Amino acid sequence: MSPEECRQLASLESDVWSLGMVVLELALKRNPFAPFKGDELRSSIQCLRLSGLPQTKLSPEAVDFVDKCLVKDANKRWPVSELMKVSVLRESEE
């Protein structure tokens, strides 16, 4: 659930948040919001600063990609069209 969905204002940008959360959960091997339920969960999503991804697990480009997806203000979150242009692979991995 994106911050705007907590306020019942879902939009296409909410899907970008969801993508960032999926990558974050896969990299951390846990849901950063797992301890929270109900209203506490909604409040946490809107207020907590996500620490992002440890750079040892993913490339700096991948960390940057996730950070762009998890901008709390949906109006400042990168649109899908811009995220599609981002390369998260290092040259040696291509």
N, C-alpha and C. Protein backbone atom coordinates (compact mmCIF):
# COMPACT_ATOMS: atom_id res chain seq x y z
N MET A 1 0.85 -1.17 0.00
CA MET A 1 0.00 0.00 0.00
C MET A 1 0.90 1.24 0.00
N SER A 2 0.66 2.12 -0.95
CA SER A 2 1.46 3.34 -1.07
C SER A 2 0.95 4.39 -0.08
N PRO A 3 1.76 5.43 0.18
CA PRO A 3 1.29 6.49 1.08
C PRO A 3 -0.02 7.11 0.63
N GLU A 4 -0.19 7.31 -0.67
CA GLU A 4 -1.43 7.92 -1.15
C GLU A 4 -2.62 6.97 -1.02
N GLU A 5 -2.37 5.66 -1.13
CA GLU A 5 -3.45 4.70 -0.95
C GLU A 5 -3.93 4.69 0.51
N CYS A 6 -3.04 5.00 1.43
CA CYS A 6 -3.44 5.12 2.84
C CYS A 6 -4.45 6.23 3.04
N ARG A 7 -4.42 7.21 2.15
CA ARG A 7 -5.36 8.34 2.20
C ARG A 7 -6.48 8.16 1.17
N GLN A 8 -6.60 6.96 0.63
CA GLN A 8 -7.61 6.60 -0.37
C GLN A 8 -7.51 7.46 -1.63
N LEU A 9 -6.26 7.68 -2.07
CA LEU A 9 -6.00 8.46 -3.28
C LEU A 9 -5.12 7.68 -4.25
N ALA A 10 -5.45 6.43 -4.48
CA ALA A 10 -4.64 5.58 -5.35
C ALA A 10 -4.55 6.17 -6.75
N SER A 11 -3.39 5.95 -7.37
CA SER A 11 -3.14 6.46 -8.72
C SER A 11 -2.16 5.51 -9.41
N LEU A 12 -1.83 5.82 -10.65
CA LEU A 12 -0.85 5.00 -11.36
C LEU A 12 0.50 5.03 -10.64
N GLU A 13 0.81 6.14 -9.98
CA GLU A 13 2.06 6.25 -9.26
C GLU A 13 2.13 5.26 -8.10
N SER A 14 0.96 4.79 -7.65
CA SER A 14 0.92 3.79 -6.57
C SER A 14 1.58 2.49 -7.02
N ASP A 15 1.46 2.17 -8.29
CA ASP A 15 2.10 0.96 -8.82
C ASP A 15 3.62 1.08 -8.81
N VAL A 16 4.12 2.28 -9.01
CA VAL A 16 5.57 2.50 -8.95
C VAL A 16 6.06 2.25 -7.53
N TRP A 17 5.31 2.74 -6.54
CA TRP A 17 5.64 2.47 -5.14
C TRP A 17 5.67 0.96 -4.90
N SER A 18 4.66 0.26 -5.39
CA SER A 18 4.58 -1.19 -5.19
C SER A 18 5.78 -1.91 -5.80
N LEU A 19 6.21 -1.49 -6.97
CA LEU A 19 7.39 -2.08 -7.59
C LEU A 19 8.61 -1.88 -6.70
N GLY A 20 8.79 -0.67 -6.20
CA GLY A 20 9.92 -0.40 -5.32
C GLY A 20 9.87 -1.25 -4.06
N MET A 21 8.67 -1.44 -3.50
CA MET A 21 8.52 -2.25 -2.29
C MET A 21 8.85 -3.72 -2.56
N VAL A 22 8.44 -4.23 -3.72
CA VAL A 22 8.74 -5.62 -4.06
C VAL A 22 10.25 -5.83 -4.15
N VAL A 23 10.95 -4.93 -4.82
CA VAL A 23 12.40 -5.05 -4.94
C VAL A 23 13.05 -4.93 -3.56
N LEU A 24 12.57 -3.99 -2.74
CA LEU A 24 13.11 -3.81 -1.40
C LEU A 24 12.92 -5.07 -0.56
N GLU A 25 11.72 -5.64 -0.59
CA GLU A 25 11.45 -6.86 0.17
C GLU A 25 12.32 -8.02 -0.30
N LEU A 26 12.49 -8.16 -1.61
CA LEU A 26 13.33 -9.24 -2.13
C LEU A 26 14.78 -9.08 -1.69
N ALA A 27 15.27 -7.87 -1.72
CA ALA A 27 16.66 -7.62 -1.33
C ALA A 27 16.87 -7.80 0.17
N LEU A 28 15.92 -7.35 0.97
CA LEU A 28 16.05 -7.45 2.43
C LEU A 28 15.63 -8.81 2.97
N LYS A 29 14.89 -9.56 2.15
CA LYS A 29 14.32 -10.86 2.54
C LYS A 29 13.35 -10.71 3.71
N ARG A 30 12.70 -9.55 3.76
CA ARG A 30 11.67 -9.30 4.78
C ARG A 30 10.86 -8.08 4.37
N ASN A 31 9.67 -7.99 4.90
CA ASN A 31 8.82 -6.82 4.68
C ASN A 31 9.14 -5.80 5.77
N PRO A 32 9.61 -4.61 5.41
CA PRO A 32 9.96 -3.63 6.44
C PRO A 32 8.76 -3.16 7.26
N PHE A 33 7.56 -3.42 6.80
CA PHE A 33 6.36 -3.00 7.52
C PHE A 33 5.66 -4.18 8.21
N ALA A 34 6.27 -5.35 8.23
CA ALA A 34 5.63 -6.54 8.80
C ALA A 34 5.16 -6.38 10.25
N PRO A 35 5.90 -5.65 11.09
CA PRO A 35 5.45 -5.55 12.48
C PRO A 35 4.16 -4.75 12.68
N PHE A 36 3.73 -4.02 11.66
CA PHE A 36 2.60 -3.10 11.82
C PHE A 36 1.32 -3.68 11.23
N LYS A 37 0.19 -3.33 11.84
CA LYS A 37 -1.13 -3.78 11.36
C LYS A 37 -2.11 -2.60 11.41
N GLY A 38 -3.11 -2.63 10.55
CA GLY A 38 -4.21 -1.66 10.59
C GLY A 38 -3.77 -0.21 10.49
N ASP A 39 -4.30 0.62 11.40
CA ASP A 39 -4.00 2.05 11.39
C ASP A 39 -2.52 2.32 11.62
N GLU A 40 -1.89 1.48 12.43
CA GLU A 40 -0.46 1.63 12.69
C GLU A 40 0.34 1.41 11.40
N LEU A 41 -0.11 0.48 10.56
CA LEU A 41 0.54 0.23 9.27
C LEU A 41 0.41 1.45 8.37
N ARG A 42 -0.79 1.99 8.25
CA ARG A 42 -1.01 3.17 7.40
C ARG A 42 -0.16 4.35 7.86
N SER A 43 -0.12 4.56 9.15
CA SER A 43 0.68 5.64 9.70
C SER A 43 2.17 5.43 9.43
N SER A 44 2.62 4.20 9.58
CA SER A 44 4.03 3.87 9.35
C SER A 44 4.42 4.09 7.89
N ILE A 45 3.57 3.69 6.98
CA ILE A 45 3.85 3.86 5.55
C ILE A 45 3.99 5.34 5.22
N GLN A 46 3.15 6.16 5.82
CA GLN A 46 3.18 7.59 5.54
C GLN A 46 4.31 8.33 6.25
N CYS A 47 4.75 7.81 7.40
CA CYS A 47 5.70 8.57 8.22
C CYS A 47 7.13 8.03 8.26
N LEU A 48 7.29 6.71 8.24
CA LEU A 48 8.63 6.15 8.38
C LEU A 48 9.49 6.43 7.16
N ARG A 49 10.73 6.71 7.41
CA ARG A 49 11.71 6.85 6.33
C ARG A 49 12.29 5.48 6.07
N LEU A 50 12.14 4.99 4.86
CA LEU A 50 12.73 3.69 4.52
C LEU A 50 14.22 3.88 4.34
N SER A 51 14.96 2.97 4.91
CA SER A 51 16.42 3.11 4.86
C SER A 51 16.99 2.77 3.50
N GLY A 52 16.17 2.23 2.62
CA GLY A 52 16.66 1.86 1.30
C GLY A 52 17.37 0.53 1.31
N LEU A 53 18.06 0.26 0.26
CA LEU A 53 18.73 -1.03 0.11
C LEU A 53 20.19 -0.95 0.51
N PRO A 54 20.67 -1.98 1.17
CA PRO A 54 22.11 -2.01 1.43
C PRO A 54 22.85 -2.14 0.11
N GLN A 55 23.81 -1.28 -0.12
CA GLN A 55 24.52 -1.29 -1.39
C GLN A 55 25.33 -2.57 -1.60
N THR A 56 25.58 -3.31 -0.55
CA THR A 56 26.32 -4.57 -0.72
C THR A 56 25.46 -5.63 -1.38
N LYS A 57 24.13 -5.49 -1.32
CA LYS A 57 23.24 -6.49 -1.91
C LYS A 57 22.94 -6.21 -3.38
N LEU A 58 22.89 -4.93 -3.74
CA LEU A 58 22.56 -4.54 -5.11
C LEU A 58 23.50 -3.45 -5.58
N SER A 59 23.54 -3.26 -6.87
CA SER A 59 24.38 -2.21 -7.43
C SER A 59 23.88 -0.83 -7.00
N PRO A 60 24.75 0.17 -7.02
CA PRO A 60 24.30 1.53 -6.69
C PRO A 60 23.16 1.99 -7.60
N GLU A 61 23.17 1.52 -8.85
CA GLU A 61 22.10 1.89 -9.78
C GLU A 61 20.76 1.29 -9.34
N ALA A 62 20.79 0.05 -8.86
CA ALA A 62 19.56 -0.59 -8.39
C ALA A 62 19.04 0.10 -7.14
N VAL A 63 19.94 0.48 -6.25
CA VAL A 63 19.54 1.21 -5.04
C VAL A 63 18.89 2.53 -5.44
N ASP A 64 19.48 3.23 -6.39
CA ASP A 64 18.93 4.49 -6.87
C ASP A 64 17.54 4.29 -7.48
N PHE A 65 17.38 3.22 -8.25
CA PHE A 65 16.09 2.89 -8.87
C PHE A 65 15.01 2.72 -7.80
N VAL A 66 15.31 1.94 -6.77
CA VAL A 66 14.34 1.70 -5.70
C VAL A 66 14.04 3.01 -4.97
N ASP A 67 15.06 3.79 -4.71
CA ASP A 67 14.84 5.09 -4.05
C ASP A 67 13.91 5.97 -4.86
N LYS A 68 14.02 5.93 -6.18
CA LYS A 68 13.15 6.73 -7.04
C LYS A 68 11.71 6.21 -7.00
N CYS A 69 11.54 4.92 -6.79
CA CYS A 69 10.20 4.33 -6.69
C CYS A 69 9.54 4.63 -5.35
N LEU A 70 10.34 4.78 -4.30
CA LEU A 70 9.80 4.91 -2.95
C LEU A 70 9.76 6.35 -2.43
N VAL A 71 9.66 7.29 -3.34
CA VAL A 71 9.46 8.69 -2.93
C VAL A 71 8.03 8.79 -2.39
N LYS A 72 7.88 9.28 -1.18
CA LYS A 72 6.56 9.31 -0.54
C LYS A 72 5.56 10.22 -1.25
N ASP A 73 6.01 11.32 -1.79
CA ASP A 73 5.12 12.24 -2.52
C ASP A 73 4.92 11.70 -3.94
N ALA A 74 3.73 11.23 -4.23
CA ALA A 74 3.45 10.61 -5.53
C ALA A 74 3.73 11.57 -6.69
N ASN A 75 3.58 12.86 -6.46
CA ASN A 75 3.84 13.84 -7.52
C ASN A 75 5.32 13.99 -7.83
N LYS A 76 6.18 13.57 -6.92
CA LYS A 76 7.62 13.66 -7.12
C LYS A 76 8.24 12.30 -7.45
N ARG A 77 7.45 11.25 -7.36
CA ARG A 77 7.91 9.90 -7.67
C ARG A 77 8.15 9.80 -9.17
N TRP A 78 9.20 9.10 -9.56
CA TRP A 78 9.51 8.96 -10.97
C TRP A 78 8.39 8.21 -11.70
N PRO A 79 8.01 8.67 -12.89
CA PRO A 79 7.00 7.96 -13.67
C PRO A 79 7.60 6.72 -14.33
N VAL A 80 6.75 5.80 -14.68
CA VAL A 80 7.18 4.55 -15.32
C VAL A 80 8.01 4.85 -16.57
N SER A 81 7.60 5.83 -17.35
CA SER A 81 8.32 6.14 -18.59
C SER A 81 9.79 6.49 -18.33
N GLU A 82 10.07 7.16 -17.22
CA GLU A 82 11.46 7.50 -16.88
C GLU A 82 12.19 6.30 -16.26
N LEU A 83 11.48 5.53 -15.44
CA LEU A 83 12.11 4.36 -14.82
C LEU A 83 12.51 3.32 -15.86
N MET A 84 11.76 3.25 -16.95
CA MET A 84 12.08 2.29 -18.02
C MET A 84 13.41 2.60 -18.70
N LYS A 85 13.89 3.82 -18.57
CA LYS A 85 15.14 4.23 -19.19
C LYS A 85 16.35 3.96 -18.30
N VAL A 86 16.11 3.60 -17.05
CA VAL A 86 17.19 3.40 -16.08
C VAL A 86 17.76 2.01 -16.24
N SER A 87 19.07 1.93 -16.33
CA SER A 87 19.74 0.63 -16.38
C SER A 87 20.23 0.29 -14.98
N VAL A 88 19.85 -0.88 -14.49
CA VAL A 88 20.28 -1.29 -13.15
C VAL A 88 21.37 -2.35 -13.21
N LEU A 89 21.82 -2.67 -14.41
CA LEU A 89 22.89 -3.65 -14.56
C LEU A 89 24.23 -2.96 -14.70
N ARG A 90 25.22 -3.51 -14.07
CA ARG A 90 26.58 -3.00 -14.25
C ARG A 90 27.08 -3.50 -15.60
N GLU A 91 28.00 -2.76 -16.19
CA GLU A 91 28.49 -3.13 -17.53
C GLU A 91 29.00 -4.57 -17.55
N SER A 92 29.65 -5.02 -16.50
CA SER A 92 30.21 -6.37 -16.48
C SER A 92 29.12 -7.44 -16.44
N GLU A 93 27.91 -7.06 -16.06
CA GLU A 93 26.81 -8.01 -15.97
C GLU A 93 25.98 -8.07 -17.23
N GLU A 94 26.16 -7.13 -18.14
CA GLU A 94 25.34 -7.06 -19.35
C GLU A 94 25.73 -8.13 -20.35
